[in-house]
Structures are given as C-alpha cells and as structure tokens.
C-alpha atoms as a PDB file:
ATOM      1  CA  MET A   1     -13.530   1.910  -0.874  1.00  0.00           C
ATOM      2  CA  PRO A   2     -13.024   2.834   2.902  1.00  0.00           C
ATOM      3  CA  LYS A   3     -15.620   4.693   5.281  1.00  0.00           C
ATOM      4  CA  LYS A   4     -16.100   8.735   3.922  1.00  0.00           C
ATOM      5  CA  LEU A   5     -12.421  10.627   4.463  1.00  0.00           C
ATOM      6  CA  SER A   6     -13.034  12.973   7.378  1.00  0.00           C
ATOM      7  CA  THR A   7     -11.417  15.738   9.646  1.00  0.00           C
ATOM      8  CA  ARG A   8      -8.913  16.997   8.342  1.00  0.00           C
ATOM      9  CA  LEU A   9     -10.770  17.677   4.904  1.00  0.00           C
ATOM     10  CA  LEU A  10     -12.165  20.815   3.951  1.00  0.00           C
ATOM     11  CA  SER A  11     -14.610  20.823   1.268  1.00  0.00           C
ATOM     12  CA  ARG A  12     -13.640  21.756  -2.445  1.00  0.00           C
ATOM     13  CA  PRO A  13     -15.276  25.379  -2.456  1.00  0.00           C
ATOM     14  CA  GLN A  14     -13.900  26.276   1.510  1.00  0.00           C
ATOM     15  CA  LEU A  15     -10.438  25.230   0.231  1.00  0.00           C
ATOM     16  CA  SER A  16     -10.590  26.767  -3.159  1.00  0.00           C
ATOM     17  CA  LYS A  17     -11.628  30.175  -1.266  1.00  0.00           C
ATOM     18  CA  LEU A  18      -8.873  29.901   1.470  1.00  0.00           C
ATOM     19  CA  LEU A  19      -5.729  28.912  -0.829  1.00  0.00           C
ATOM     20  CA  PRO A  20      -5.698  32.331  -3.054  1.00  0.00           C
ATOM     21  CA  GLN A  21      -6.264  34.207   0.019  1.00  0.00           C
ATOM     22  CA  LEU A  22      -3.545  33.188   1.784  1.00  0.00           C
ATOM     23  CA  LYS A  23      -1.265  32.746  -1.321  1.00  0.00           C
ATOM     24  CA  SER A  24       2.108  34.440  -1.389  1.00  0.00           C
ATOM     25  CA  PRO A  25       3.471  36.294  -4.564  1.00  0.00           C
ATOM     26  CA  ARG A  26       6.507  34.673  -3.421  1.00  0.00           C
ATOM     27  CA  LYS A  27       7.016  31.492  -5.868  1.00  0.00           C
ATOM     28  CA  PRO A  28       7.688  27.905  -3.346  1.00  0.00           C
ATOM     29  CA  SER A  29      11.616  27.592  -2.718  1.00  0.00           C
ATOM     30  CA  ARG A  30      13.471  24.252  -4.344  1.00  0.00           C
ATOM     31  CA  VAL A  31      14.900  22.494  -0.927  1.00  0.00           C
ATOM     32  CA  ILE A  32      19.083  22.095  -0.449  1.00  0.00           C
ATOM     33  CA  THR A  33      20.277  19.268   1.423  1.00  0.00           C
ATOM     34  CA  PRO A  34      23.320  20.168   3.738  1.00  0.00           C
ATOM     35  CA  GLY A  35      25.270  18.740   0.807  1.00  0.00           C
ATOM     36  CA  GLY A  36      24.479  21.476  -1.495  1.00  0.00           C
ATOM     37  CA  ILE A  37      22.098  19.038  -3.588  1.00  0.00           C
ATOM     38  CA  THR A  38      18.765  19.392  -4.799  1.00  0.00           C
ATOM     39  CA  PRO A  39      16.786  16.596  -4.600  1.00  0.00           C
ATOM     40  CA  ARG A  40      13.974  16.817  -7.323  1.00  0.00           C
ATOM     41  CA  GLY A  41      11.795  14.524  -9.878  1.00  0.00           C
ATOM     42  CA  SER A  42       9.195  14.863 -12.350  1.00  0.00           C
ATOM     43  CA  PRO A  43       7.610  11.681 -12.544  1.00  0.00           C
ATOM     44  CA  SER A  44       4.943  10.804 -15.263  1.00  0.00           C
ATOM     45  CA  SER A  45       1.246  11.109 -13.568  1.00  0.00           C
ATOM     46  CA  TRP A  46      -2.170  10.404 -14.286  1.00  0.00           C
ATOM     47  CA  LYS A  47      -3.925  13.013 -11.801  1.00  0.00           C
ATOM     48  CA  CYS A  48      -1.371  15.989 -11.269  1.00  0.00           C
ATOM     49  CA  GLN A  49      -0.240  18.293 -14.493  1.00  0.00           C
ATOM     50  CA  SER A  50       3.352  19.178 -13.454  1.00  0.00           C
ATOM     51  CA  PRO A  51       4.279  16.821 -10.314  1.00  0.00           C
ATOM     52  CA  CYS A  52       7.481  17.218  -8.916  1.00  0.00           C
ATOM     53  CA  PHE A  53       9.010  15.699  -5.614  1.00  0.00           C
ATOM     54  CA  GLN A  54      11.999  17.220  -3.603  1.00  0.00           C
ATOM     55  CA  SER A  55      12.831  14.114  -1.306  1.00  0.00           C
ATOM     56  CA  LEU A  56      11.873  10.049  -1.765  1.00  0.00           C
ATOM     57  CA  VAL A  57       9.537  10.246   0.929  1.00  0.00           C
ATOM     58  CA  GLU A  58       7.429  13.137  -1.191  1.00  0.00           C
ATOM     59  CA  GLU A  59       8.000  10.858  -4.064  1.00  0.00           C
ATOM     60  CA  ASP A  60       7.004   7.644  -1.811  1.00  0.00           C
ATOM     61  CA  CYS A  61       3.834   9.648  -0.960  1.00  0.00           C
ATOM     62  CA  GLN A  62       2.568  11.147  -4.200  1.00  0.00           C
ATOM     63  CA  ARG A  63       2.923   6.683  -5.443  1.00  0.00           C
ATOM     64  CA  VAL A  64       0.353   6.607  -3.106  1.00  0.00           C
ATOM     65  CA  ALA A  65      -2.289   9.204  -4.128  1.00  0.00           C
ATOM     66  CA  GLU A  66      -1.409   8.093  -7.478  1.00  0.00           C
ATOM     67  CA  ILE A  67      -2.989   4.253  -7.150  1.00  0.00           C
ATOM     68  CA  ALA A  68      -5.394   5.380  -3.902  1.00  0.00           C
ATOM     69  CA  SER A  69      -9.320   5.892  -5.635  1.00  0.00           C
ATOM     70  CA  SER A  70     -10.009   7.972  -3.320  1.00  0.00           C
ATOM     71  CA  VAL A  71      -7.856  10.987  -4.875  1.00  0.00           C
ATOM     72  CA  THR A  72      -9.462  12.004  -7.659  1.00  0.00           C
ATOM     73  CA  SER A  73      -6.241  14.403  -8.542  1.00  0.00           C
ATOM     74  CA  TYR A  74      -3.206  16.488  -6.407  1.00  0.00           C
ATOM     75  CA  GLU A  75      -1.184  18.890  -6.583  1.00  0.00           C
ATOM     76  CA  THR A  76       2.801  19.701  -5.372  1.00  0.00           C
ATOM     77  CA  HIS A  77       4.600  22.247  -4.377  1.00  0.00           C
ATOM     78  CA  SER A  78       2.142  24.467  -6.265  1.00  0.00           C
ATOM     79  CA  LEU A  79       1.961  27.833  -4.021  1.00  0.00           C
ATOM     80  CA  THR A  80       3.364  29.252  -0.864  1.00  0.00           C
ATOM     81  CA  PHE A  81       1.152  30.492   1.920  1.00  0.00           C
ATOM     82  CA  GLU A  82       2.067  34.183   3.527  1.00  0.00           C
ATOM     83  CA  LEU A  83       0.945  33.141   7.084  1.00  0.00           C
ATOM     84  CA  GLY A  84       2.882  35.991   9.027  1.00  0.00           C
ATOM     85  CA  THR A  85       1.577  39.137  10.596  1.00  0.00           C
ATOM     86  CA  SER A  86       2.020  42.716  10.627  1.00  0.00           C
ATOM     87  CA  GLU A  87       5.086  42.128  13.058  1.00  0.00           C
ATOM     88  CA  ARG A  88       6.610  38.798  11.685  1.00  0.00           C
ATOM     89  CA  SER A  89       7.107  37.275   8.275  1.00  0.00           C
ATOM     90  CA  PHE A  90       6.221  33.824   8.361  1.00  0.00           C
ATOM     91  CA  ARG A  91       5.868  31.220   5.178  1.00  0.00           C
ATOM     92  CA  TYR A  92       5.336  27.948   4.453  1.00  0.00           C
ATOM     93  CA  THR A  93       4.729  25.757   0.737  1.00  0.00           C
ATOM     94  CA  PRO A  94       2.770  22.366   1.393  1.00  0.00           C
ATOM     95  CA  ASP A  95       3.898  19.604   0.202  1.00  0.00           C
ATOM     96  CA  LEU A  96       1.084  18.145  -1.472  1.00  0.00           C
ATOM     97  CA  ILE A  97      -2.677  19.432  -2.166  1.00  0.00           C
ATOM     98  CA  LEU A  98      -4.952  16.370  -2.320  1.00  0.00           C
ATOM     99  CA  TRP A  99      -8.419  16.626  -4.093  1.00  0.00           C
ATOM    100  CA  PHE A 100     -10.601  14.036  -2.933  1.00  0.00           C
ATOM    101  CA  GLY A 101     -13.358  14.712  -5.674  1.00  0.00           C
ATOM    102  CA  ASP A 102     -15.318  17.500  -3.280  1.00  0.00           C
ATOM    103  CA  SER A 103     -12.857  18.009  -0.418  1.00  0.00           C
ATOM    104  CA  GLY A 104      -9.101  18.693  -0.591  1.00  0.00           C
ATOM    105  CA  ALA A 105      -6.342  18.497   2.275  1.00  0.00           C
ATOM    106  CA  VAL A 106      -3.150  20.256   2.391  1.00  0.00           C
ATOM    107  CA  CYS A 107       0.075  18.154   3.599  1.00  0.00           C
ATOM    108  CA  GLU A 108       3.291  17.777   4.919  1.00  0.00           C
ATOM    109  CA  VAL A 109       5.597  14.970   3.900  1.00  0.00           C
ATOM    110  CA  LYS A 110       8.062  14.111   6.733  1.00  0.00           C
ATOM    111  CA  PRO A 111      10.223  11.398   7.889  1.00  0.00           C
ATOM    112  CA  ARG A 112       9.226  10.291  11.375  1.00  0.00           C
ATOM    113  CA  SER A 113      12.599  10.538  12.341  1.00  0.00           C
ATOM    114  CA  LYS A 114      12.583  14.393  11.578  1.00  0.00           C
ATOM    115  CA  LEU A 115      10.190  14.766  14.023  1.00  0.00           C
ATOM    116  CA  SER A 116      12.235  14.399  17.290  1.00  0.00           C
ATOM    117  CA  SER A 117      14.200  17.375  15.841  1.00  0.00           C
ATOM    118  CA  ARG A 118      13.117  20.215  18.352  1.00  0.00           C
ATOM    119  CA  LYS A 119      13.654  23.154  15.229  1.00  0.00           C
ATOM    120  CA  THR A 120      11.786  20.683  13.140  1.00  0.00           C
ATOM    121  CA  ALA A 121       9.222  20.205  15.382  1.00  0.00           C
ATOM    122  CA  THR A 122       8.954  24.086  16.587  1.00  0.00           C
ATOM    123  CA  ARG A 123       8.640  24.564  12.863  1.00  0.00           C
ATOM    124  CA  LEU A 124       6.296  22.318  12.368  1.00  0.00           C
ATOM    125  CA  LYS A 125       3.606  23.557  15.056  1.00  0.00           C
ATOM    126  CA  GLU A 126       4.251  27.003  14.172  1.00  0.00           C
ATOM    127  CA  VAL A 127       2.690  26.041  10.721  1.00  0.00           C
ATOM    128  CA  ILE A 128      -0.421  24.153  12.353  1.00  0.00           C
ATOM    129  CA  ASP A 129      -1.072  26.506  14.374  1.00  0.00           C
ATOM    130  CA  ARG A 130      -0.817  29.298  11.667  1.00  0.00           C
ATOM    131  CA  LEU A 131      -3.083  27.440   9.120  1.00  0.00           C
ATOM    132  CA  ASP A 132      -5.806  26.551  11.764  1.00  0.00           C
ATOM    133  CA  HIS A 133      -5.873  29.992  12.593  1.00  0.00           C
ATOM    134  CA  HIS A 134      -6.921  30.444   9.236  1.00  0.00           C
ATOM    135  CA  GLY A 135      -9.316  27.557   8.780  1.00  0.00           C
ATOM    136  CA  ILE A 136      -7.262  25.347   6.774  1.00  0.00           C
ATOM    137  CA  PRO A 137      -5.911  21.579   8.942  1.00  0.00           C
ATOM    138  CA  LEU A 138      -2.770  20.572   8.209  1.00  0.00           C
ATOM    139  CA  VAL A 139      -2.102  16.551   7.292  1.00  0.00           C
ATOM    140  CA  LEU A 140       1.128  15.290   7.968  1.00  0.00           C
ATOM    141  CA  MET A 141       2.134  11.988   6.305  1.00  0.00           C
ATOM    142  CA  LEU A 142       5.312  10.218   7.141  1.00  0.00           C
ATOM    143  CA  ASP A 143       7.665   7.821   5.638  1.00  0.00           C
ATOM    144  CA  THR A 144       6.622   5.009   8.127  1.00  0.00           C
ATOM    145  CA  ASP A 145       2.879   5.373   6.686  1.00  0.00           C
ATOM    146  CA  VAL A 146       3.815   5.030   2.972  1.00  0.00           C
ATOM    147  CA  ARG A 147       6.369   2.439   3.067  1.00  0.00           C
ATOM    148  CA  ALA A 148       5.174  -0.270   5.687  1.00  0.00           C
ATOM    149  CA  HIS A 149       4.926  -3.935   4.804  1.00  0.00           C
ATOM    150  CA  ASN A 150       6.847  -3.247   1.448  1.00  0.00           C
ATOM    151  CA  LEU A 151       4.175  -0.969   0.008  1.00  0.00           C
ATOM    152  CA  GLN A 152       6.207   0.976  -2.111  1.00  0.00           C
ATOM    153  CA  ARG A 153       7.760  -2.265  -3.903  1.00  0.00           C
ATOM    154  CA  MET A 154       4.038  -3.173  -4.843  1.00  0.00           C
ATOM    155  CA  LEU A 155       3.337   0.247  -6.167  1.00  0.00           C
ATOM    156  CA  LEU A 156       6.140   0.502  -8.128  1.00  0.00           C
ATOM    157  CA  LEU A 157       6.169  -2.570  -9.978  1.00  0.00           C
ATOM    158  CA  LEU A 158       2.100  -1.688 -10.405  1.00  0.00           C
ATOM    159  CA  GLN A 159       3.436   1.651 -11.906  1.00  0.00           C
ATOM    160  CA  ARG A 160       6.277  -0.415 -14.141  1.00  0.00           C
ATOM    161  CA  ASP A 161       3.410  -2.189 -15.806  1.00  0.00           C
ATOM    162  CA  ARG A 162       0.679   0.368 -15.835  1.00  0.00           C
ATOM    163  CA  PRO A 163      -0.322   1.657 -19.428  1.00  0.00           C
ATOM    164  CA  VAL A 164       1.703   5.066 -20.401  1.00  0.00           C
ATOM    165  CA  ARG A 165       0.044   8.004 -19.809  1.00  0.00           C
ATOM    166  CA  GLY A 166       0.741  10.491 -22.934  1.00  0.00           C
ATOM    167  CA  PRO A 167      -0.187  13.863 -22.665  1.00  0.00           C
ATOM    168  CA  PHE A 168      -1.968  14.859 -19.840  1.00  0.00           C
ATOM    169  CA  GLN A 169      -5.527  15.183 -19.294  1.00  0.00           C
ATOM    170  CA  SER A 170      -7.856  16.539 -16.393  1.00  0.00           C
ATOM    171  CA  ASP A 171     -11.155  14.712 -17.946  1.00  0.00           C
ATOM    172  CA  ILE A 172     -10.691  11.075 -17.219  1.00  0.00           C
ATOM    173  CA  ASP A 173     -11.259   8.684 -14.157  1.00  0.00           C
ATOM    174  CA  ALA A 174      -7.823   8.223 -13.217  1.00  0.00           C
ATOM    175  CA  SER A 175      -8.530   5.295 -11.008  1.00  0.00           C
ATOM    176  CA  GLN A 176      -9.117   2.789 -13.747  1.00  0.00           C
ATOM    177  CA  TRP A 177      -5.981   0.755 -14.830  1.00  0.00           C
ATOM    178  CA  ASP A 178      -5.804   2.339 -17.921  1.00  0.00           C
ATOM    179  CA  PRO A 179      -7.848   5.613 -17.962  1.00  0.00           C
ATOM    180  CA  LEU A 180      -7.678   5.878 -21.916  1.00  0.00           C
ATOM    181  CA  GLY A 181      -9.042   2.328 -21.944  1.00  0.00           C
ATOM    182  CA  ARG A 182      -6.373   0.948 -24.076  1.00  0.00           C
ATOM    183  CA  SER A 183      -5.679  -1.930 -22.377  1.00  0.00           C
ATOM    184  CA  ALA A 184      -8.573  -4.009 -20.470  1.00  0.00           C
ATOM    185  CA  GLY A 185      -5.363  -5.659 -18.235  1.00  0.00           C
ATOM    186  CA  SER A 186      -5.371  -9.333 -17.107  1.00  0.00           C
ATOM    187  CA  ALA A 187      -7.195 -11.074 -14.450  1.00  0.00           C
ATOM    188  CA  GLU A 188      -4.320 -11.016 -12.014  1.00  0.00           C
ATOM    189  CA  VAL A 189      -3.048  -7.056 -12.754  1.00  0.00           C
ATOM    190  CA  LEU A 190      -6.336  -6.147 -11.442  1.00  0.00           C
ATOM    191  CA  ALA A 191      -6.699  -7.846  -8.956  1.00  0.00           C
ATOM    192  CA  ARG A 192      -3.308  -6.693  -7.369  1.00  0.00           C
ATOM    193  CA  TRP A 193      -4.434  -3.222  -8.547  1.00  0.00           C
ATOM    194  CA  LYS A 194      -7.699  -3.395  -6.845  1.00  0.00           C
ATOM    195  CA  CYS A 195      -5.441  -5.156  -3.665  1.00  0.00           C
ATOM    196  CA  ALA A 196      -3.487  -2.270  -3.803  1.00  0.00           C
ATOM    197  CA  GLN A 197      -5.895   0.739  -4.560  1.00  0.00           C
ATOM    198  CA  ARG A 198      -7.442  -0.349  -1.071  1.00  0.00           C
ATOM    199  CA  ILE A 199      -4.685  -0.435   0.976  1.00  0.00           C
ATOM    200  CA  CYS A 200      -3.670   3.041  -0.057  1.00  0.00           C
ATOM    201  CA  ASP A 201      -7.393   4.486   0.474  1.00  0.00           C
ATOM    202  CA  GLU A 202      -6.766   2.726   3.727  1.00  0.00           C
ATOM    203  CA  LEU A 203      -3.861   4.498   4.613  1.00  0.00           C
ATOM    204  CA  LEU A 204      -5.268   7.818   3.356  1.00  0.00           C
ATOM    205  CA  HIS A 205      -8.353   7.736   5.730  1.00  0.00           C
ATOM    206  CA  ARG A 206      -5.764   6.987   8.896  1.00  0.00           C
ATOM    207  CA  VAL A 207      -3.582   9.472   8.090  1.00  0.00           C
ATOM    208  CA  MET A 208      -6.768  11.937   7.701  1.00  0.00           C
ATOM    209  CA  ARG A 209      -8.440  11.428  10.350  1.00  0.00           C
ATOM    210  CA  ARG A 210      -4.904  11.889  12.541  1.00  0.00           C
ATOM    211  CA  ASP A 211      -4.236  14.737  15.029  1.00  0.00           C
ATOM    212  CA  PRO A 212      -0.367  15.773  14.380  1.00  0.00           C
ATOM    213  CA  GLY A 213      -0.037  16.769  17.553  1.00  0.00           C
ATOM    214  CA  GLU A 214      -0.061  12.753  18.385  1.00  0.00           C
ATOM    215  CA  LEU A 215       3.017  12.727  16.556  1.00  0.00           C
ATOM    216  CA  PHE A 216       5.020  15.020  18.295  1.00  0.00           C
ATOM    217  CA  SER A 217       3.884  13.213  21.445  1.00  0.00           C
ATOM    218  CA  ALA A 218       5.322   9.739  20.456  1.00  0.00           C
ATOM    219  CA  ALA A 219       8.534  11.209  18.294  1.00  0.00           C
END
C-alpha cells in the first residue's frame, strides 16, 4: 500500500456536499467521434454499479481503478457540473469520480497527444479554473499513465482469470481476488494480483499528487 494519497483529494463529506450543489439538471451527453461513432462500453465491475466508458483510454483508466486496492469505488459519467456564470453557460461532465475510502477525486481522462491541441488545452484549463473556483481540484489522467510497461495486458489477463462478479454488491471488499470468497486463487495468481495492485496504487498516488498545469507546459 503506498503512502497516503494527498494533494488533489477531498474528504468524502466535502466532495459529497459540493457535487449536488454543482450538479446540472441536464444529463451527461454521449461523446460522438468525427466519424459519427459513439465509442462506448459497459464492462462488469466489482466497484462501480453502472460502469461505462466513451473511449479506450477511459476503459484503461477504469481497469486501473478496478484493480487498485486503494480505490474502494468509482463512478463513470455520473453527473454534469454547471460551472457557468450569470453571463455565460459552462458545463462539464467528469469521466471518473474515484473514491478512496473517506476521500474522493474528480478525474478527466485524455490521451497525452490531445494536450498539444489548443482547443483541448483551452477547454481543460477553463474546466480546471472553474472547478478550482468551487473548491474542487481536477485530476488529469493520461493514456501514458495507464499504458506504460505493458500494464494493460497484465490487468487484462488478471481480469480474465478473476471470478465472475454476479449481481453488484456495494458492501463487499472489492480489493480481494474473489470478494465473495468462492475461490482462494493459486499462490501464483495471488502474487500477480498483489503485484498489479501495488503498481496501480503507486500509479494513482503519483497522478493524484500531480499538478495538471505541469502537463500543459510539457505538451
């Protein structure tokens, strides 16, 4: 288990109070690619009741959250923030809300290559500024964070071998190989599982402490 996550996390009471205050009555809209395709999926999850992704990078980030022992639950595209002023409307739908027990974080997922786009960078910087204005730090997760060192292949193989979830249950310890206790797993599998959890925890620890502004200057 890594050191305690910090910097861009809010306590659960803080974040739980702010989310409904900023929630827009509008439902989150689906992303449409330039080719007119809606990239999406609804994978099975032990930690999220209704997971969905709108890009392959989002799917990879959710996979990290699913296996990291520090993440107790997460939400995907669960609400849209109303961040505008009386003079200008401004809405934003976070890709992920990660919960780490008594703390939480609002996350945006992007390919690193997108940060060099002036349009994308301008939009993201405004999102960061508007959320900061309301007391919510934004965590920016990149494809290069979650795809380094063949990590996704490791996680995919573990997910393939992990016992099937069944009906969603929120009152279980989803950090266990089999939260329902049906399969103990071999020593080799459990060693791989613990190794993957450590890697995912350390990855999230780094991302949660990172200032998104540093990423724009490096793009």
